[in-house]
Amino acid sequence: MQTVNRQTTEQVLPPEAKVLMNHIYEYKKGVRRMILFTCNRRFEAFATNRLCRQSIDYVVQPAGKENVNVYFGRKECLDAIRLFVTRPLNELTPEEDFILGAMLGYDICAQCERYCERKGRCKKCQQAQ
């Protein structure tokens, strides 16, 4: 009986690649219409090549000195991203942040709570005063 080394039969992938492939799988299955994948710049070419090979539209934006945000999904969503996500995510207005979260499919109730907190008009904020 021959023993096979699993590393030689399976491709060893960094965690970023596995996360990206899971996101692509979810997009292809229709679980989400748009995805935000943040990674180190050294994985940008891997990510964009993979998306190109699968004919998936994407937008890449810087996210600090070492990272990039790769948005991918439906063209309509990416067109909107190009219009309003024109600066770092932490500089988005509460309204822009809310829209982005909704577009990414985040829990809408959590998005509403986040929006109210950012506007300083939530129950928790009022109780703290």
C-alpha atoms as a PDB file:
ATOM      1  CA  MET A   1       0.000   0.000   0.000  1.00  0.00           C
ATOM      2  CA  GLN A   2       1.410   3.350  -1.066  1.00  0.00           C
ATOM      3  CA  THR A   3       1.227   6.380   1.256  1.00  0.00           C
ATOM      4  CA  VAL A   4       0.358   9.644  -0.480  1.00  0.00           C
ATOM      5  CA  ASN A   5       1.443  12.960   0.949  1.00  0.00           C
ATOM      6  CA  ARG A   6      -1.668  15.174   1.038  1.00  0.00           C
ATOM      7  CA  GLN A   7       0.386  18.308   0.357  1.00  0.00           C
ATOM      8  CA  THR A   8       1.507  16.941  -2.989  1.00  0.00           C
ATOM      9  CA  THR A   9      -2.021  16.091  -4.088  1.00  0.00           C
ATOM     10  CA  GLU A  10      -3.753  19.222  -2.779  1.00  0.00           C
ATOM     11  CA  GLN A  11      -2.773  22.730  -3.705  1.00  0.00           C
ATOM     12  CA  VAL A  12      -1.710  24.639  -0.587  1.00  0.00           C
ATOM     13  CA  LEU A  13      -3.403  28.039  -0.675  1.00  0.00           C
ATOM     14  CA  PRO A  14      -2.984  31.042   1.593  1.00  0.00           C
ATOM     15  CA  PRO A  15      -6.035  31.979   3.677  1.00  0.00           C
ATOM     16  CA  GLU A  16      -6.702  35.030   1.478  1.00  0.00           C
ATOM     17  CA  ALA A  17      -7.063  32.817  -1.583  1.00  0.00           C
ATOM     18  CA  LYS A  18      -9.464  30.505   0.227  1.00  0.00           C
ATOM     19  CA  VAL A  19     -11.594  33.460   1.364  1.00  0.00           C
ATOM     20  CA  LEU A  20     -11.652  34.871  -2.169  1.00  0.00           C
ATOM     21  CA  MET A  21     -12.696  31.523  -3.647  1.00  0.00           C
ATOM     22  CA  ASN A  22     -15.483  31.226  -1.089  1.00  0.00           C
ATOM     23  CA  HIS A  23     -16.689  34.731  -1.990  1.00  0.00           C
ATOM     24  CA  ILE A  24     -16.627  33.845  -5.692  1.00  0.00           C
ATOM     25  CA  TYR A  25     -18.577  30.658  -4.959  1.00  0.00           C
ATOM     26  CA  GLU A  26     -21.237  32.628  -3.039  1.00  0.00           C
ATOM     27  CA  TYR A  27     -21.479  35.187  -5.846  1.00  0.00           C
ATOM     28  CA  LYS A  28     -21.815  32.511  -8.541  1.00  0.00           C
ATOM     29  CA  LYS A  29     -24.524  30.747  -6.487  1.00  0.00           C
ATOM     30  CA  GLY A  30     -26.474  34.012  -6.138  1.00  0.00           C
ATOM     31  CA  VAL A  31     -26.049  34.302  -2.376  1.00  0.00           C
ATOM     32  CA  ARG A  32     -24.767  37.875  -2.808  1.00  0.00           C
ATOM     33  CA  ARG A  33     -24.818  40.378  -5.652  1.00  0.00           C
ATOM     34  CA  MET A  34     -21.712  42.256  -4.566  1.00  0.00           C
ATOM     35  CA  ILE A  35     -18.750  41.413  -2.388  1.00  0.00           C
ATOM     36  CA  LEU A  36     -15.991  43.413  -0.731  1.00  0.00           C
ATOM     37  CA  PHE A  37     -12.720  41.513  -0.422  1.00  0.00           C
ATOM     38  CA  THR A  38      -9.915  43.302   1.427  1.00  0.00           C
ATOM     39  CA  CYS A  39      -6.430  41.889   1.034  1.00  0.00           C
ATOM     40  CA  ASN A  40      -2.766  42.760   1.070  1.00  0.00           C
ATOM     41  CA  ARG A  41      -1.576  44.341  -2.179  1.00  0.00           C
ATOM     42  CA  ARG A  42       0.541  41.285  -2.920  1.00  0.00           C
ATOM     43  CA  PHE A  43      -2.677  39.277  -3.504  1.00  0.00           C
ATOM     44  CA  GLU A  44      -4.254  41.879  -5.818  1.00  0.00           C
ATOM     45  CA  ALA A  45      -2.991  40.277  -9.043  1.00  0.00           C
ATOM     46  CA  PHE A  46      -4.104  36.832  -7.882  1.00  0.00           C
ATOM     47  CA  ALA A  47      -7.587  38.168  -7.058  1.00  0.00           C
ATOM     48  CA  THR A  48      -8.082  40.197 -10.233  1.00  0.00           C
ATOM     49  CA  ASN A  49      -6.738  37.395 -12.460  1.00  0.00           C
ATOM     50  CA  ARG A  50      -9.129  34.946 -10.818  1.00  0.00           C
ATOM     51  CA  LEU A  51     -12.077  37.321 -11.290  1.00  0.00           C
ATOM     52  CA  CYS A  52     -11.130  37.984 -14.930  1.00  0.00           C
ATOM     53  CA  ARG A  53     -10.909  34.253 -15.678  1.00  0.00           C
ATOM     54  CA  GLN A  54     -14.426  33.848 -14.276  1.00  0.00           C
ATOM     55  CA  SER A  55     -15.751  36.909 -16.169  1.00  0.00           C
ATOM     56  CA  ILE A  56     -16.679  38.727 -12.963  1.00  0.00           C
ATOM     57  CA  ASP A  57     -16.611  42.539 -12.974  1.00  0.00           C
ATOM     58  CA  TYR A  58     -14.578  44.209 -10.245  1.00  0.00           C
ATOM     59  CA  VAL A  59     -13.259  47.522  -8.918  1.00  0.00           C
ATOM     60  CA  VAL A  60     -10.008  47.869  -6.973  1.00  0.00           C
ATOM     61  CA  GLN A  61      -9.419  50.735  -4.556  1.00  0.00           C
ATOM     62  CA  PRO A  62      -6.538  51.398  -2.161  1.00  0.00           C
ATOM     63  CA  ALA A  63      -7.189  50.641   1.509  1.00  0.00           C
ATOM     64  CA  GLY A  64      -4.242  52.066   3.370  1.00  0.00           C
ATOM     65  CA  LYS A  65      -0.580  51.563   2.572  1.00  0.00           C
ATOM     66  CA  GLU A  66      -0.515  47.778   2.296  1.00  0.00           C
ATOM     67  CA  ASN A  67      -4.091  46.722   1.428  1.00  0.00           C
ATOM     68  CA  VAL A  68      -6.619  47.038  -1.344  1.00  0.00           C
ATOM     69  CA  ASN A  69     -10.385  46.708  -1.413  1.00  0.00           C
ATOM     70  CA  VAL A  70     -11.591  44.544  -4.278  1.00  0.00           C
ATOM     71  CA  TYR A  71     -15.313  45.003  -4.903  1.00  0.00           C
ATOM     72  CA  PHE A  72     -16.797  42.489  -7.290  1.00  0.00           C
ATOM     73  CA  GLY A  73     -20.188  41.480  -8.536  1.00  0.00           C
ATOM     74  CA  ARG A  74     -22.970  42.926 -10.634  1.00  0.00           C
ATOM     75  CA  LYS A  75     -22.073  45.809 -12.944  1.00  0.00           C
ATOM     76  CA  GLU A  76     -24.929  47.961 -11.583  1.00  0.00           C
ATOM     77  CA  CYS A  77     -23.523  47.695  -8.069  1.00  0.00           C
ATOM     78  CA  LEU A  78     -19.987  48.460  -9.163  1.00  0.00           C
ATOM     79  CA  ASP A  79     -21.173  51.519 -11.109  1.00  0.00           C
ATOM     80  CA  ALA A  80     -22.650  52.853  -7.859  1.00  0.00           C
ATOM     81  CA  ILE A  81     -19.426  52.067  -5.964  1.00  0.00           C
ATOM     82  CA  ARG A  82     -17.444  54.100  -8.481  1.00  0.00           C
ATOM     83  CA  LEU A  83     -19.765  57.061  -7.861  1.00  0.00           C
ATOM     84  CA  PHE A  84     -19.854  57.258  -4.079  1.00  0.00           C
ATOM     85  CA  VAL A  85     -16.966  55.277  -2.620  1.00  0.00           C
ATOM     86  CA  THR A  86     -14.304  57.769  -3.618  1.00  0.00           C
ATOM     87  CA  ARG A  87     -12.394  57.981  -0.331  1.00  0.00           C
ATOM     88  CA  PRO A  88     -11.396  55.651   2.508  1.00  0.00           C
ATOM     89  CA  LEU A  89     -14.316  53.721   4.000  1.00  0.00           C
ATOM     90  CA  ASN A  90     -13.853  55.305   7.425  1.00  0.00           C
ATOM     91  CA  GLU A  91     -14.518  58.690   5.812  1.00  0.00           C
ATOM     92  CA  LEU A  92     -17.894  57.749   4.306  1.00  0.00           C
ATOM     93  CA  THR A  93     -20.909  59.668   5.542  1.00  0.00           C
ATOM     94  CA  PRO A  94     -23.400  57.708   7.657  1.00  0.00           C
ATOM     95  CA  GLU A  95     -25.692  57.596   4.624  1.00  0.00           C
ATOM     96  CA  GLU A  96     -22.970  56.290   2.298  1.00  0.00           C
ATOM     97  CA  ASP A  97     -21.925  53.731   4.903  1.00  0.00           C
ATOM     98  CA  PHE A  98     -25.538  52.567   5.212  1.00  0.00           C
ATOM     99  CA  ILE A  99     -25.929  52.220   1.443  1.00  0.00           C
ATOM    100  CA  LEU A 100     -22.670  50.302   1.124  1.00  0.00           C
ATOM    101  CA  GLY A 101     -23.636  47.899   3.912  1.00  0.00           C
ATOM    102  CA  ALA A 102     -27.033  47.294   2.333  1.00  0.00           C
ATOM    103  CA  MET A 103     -25.419  46.692  -1.069  1.00  0.00           C
ATOM    104  CA  LEU A 104     -23.051  44.166   0.492  1.00  0.00           C
ATOM    105  CA  GLY A 105     -25.998  42.290   1.975  1.00  0.00           C
ATOM    106  CA  TYR A 106     -25.255  43.022   5.608  1.00  0.00           C
ATOM    107  CA  ASP A 107     -28.061  42.531   8.129  1.00  0.00           C
ATOM    108  CA  ILE A 108     -30.391  45.469   7.512  1.00  0.00           C
ATOM    109  CA  CYS A 109     -31.366  45.867  11.176  1.00  0.00           C
ATOM    110  CA  ALA A 110     -27.691  46.012  12.155  1.00  0.00           C
ATOM    111  CA  GLN A 111     -27.156  48.577   9.389  1.00  0.00           C
ATOM    112  CA  CYS A 112     -30.024  50.677  10.745  1.00  0.00           C
ATOM    113  CA  GLU A 113     -28.546  50.550  14.245  1.00  0.00           C
ATOM    114  CA  ARG A 114     -25.096  51.456  12.907  1.00  0.00           C
ATOM    115  CA  TYR A 115     -26.578  54.368  10.974  1.00  0.00           C
ATOM    116  CA  CYS A 116     -28.365  55.715  14.034  1.00  0.00           C
ATOM    117  CA  GLU A 117     -25.201  55.349  16.136  1.00  0.00           C
ATOM    118  CA  ARG A 118     -23.156  57.226  13.562  1.00  0.00           C
ATOM    119  CA  LYS A 119     -25.771  59.972  13.497  1.00  0.00           C
ATOM    120  CA  GLY A 120     -25.741  60.054  17.328  1.00  0.00           C
ATOM    121  CA  ARG A 121     -29.451  59.307  17.494  1.00  0.00           C
ATOM    122  CA  CYS A 122     -29.727  55.836  18.908  1.00  0.00           C
ATOM    123  CA  LYS A 123     -31.220  54.686  22.190  1.00  0.00           C
ATOM    124  CA  LYS A 124     -27.787  53.612  23.441  1.00  0.00           C
ATOM    125  CA  CYS A 125     -26.369  57.060  22.552  1.00  0.00           C
ATOM    126  CA  GLN A 126     -29.213  58.876  24.317  1.00  0.00           C
ATOM    127  CA  GLN A 127     -28.896  56.713  27.446  1.00  0.00           C
ATOM    128  CA  ALA A 128     -25.168  57.474  27.659  1.00  0.00           C
ATOM    129  CA  GLN A 129     -25.832  61.242  27.763  1.00  0.00           C
END
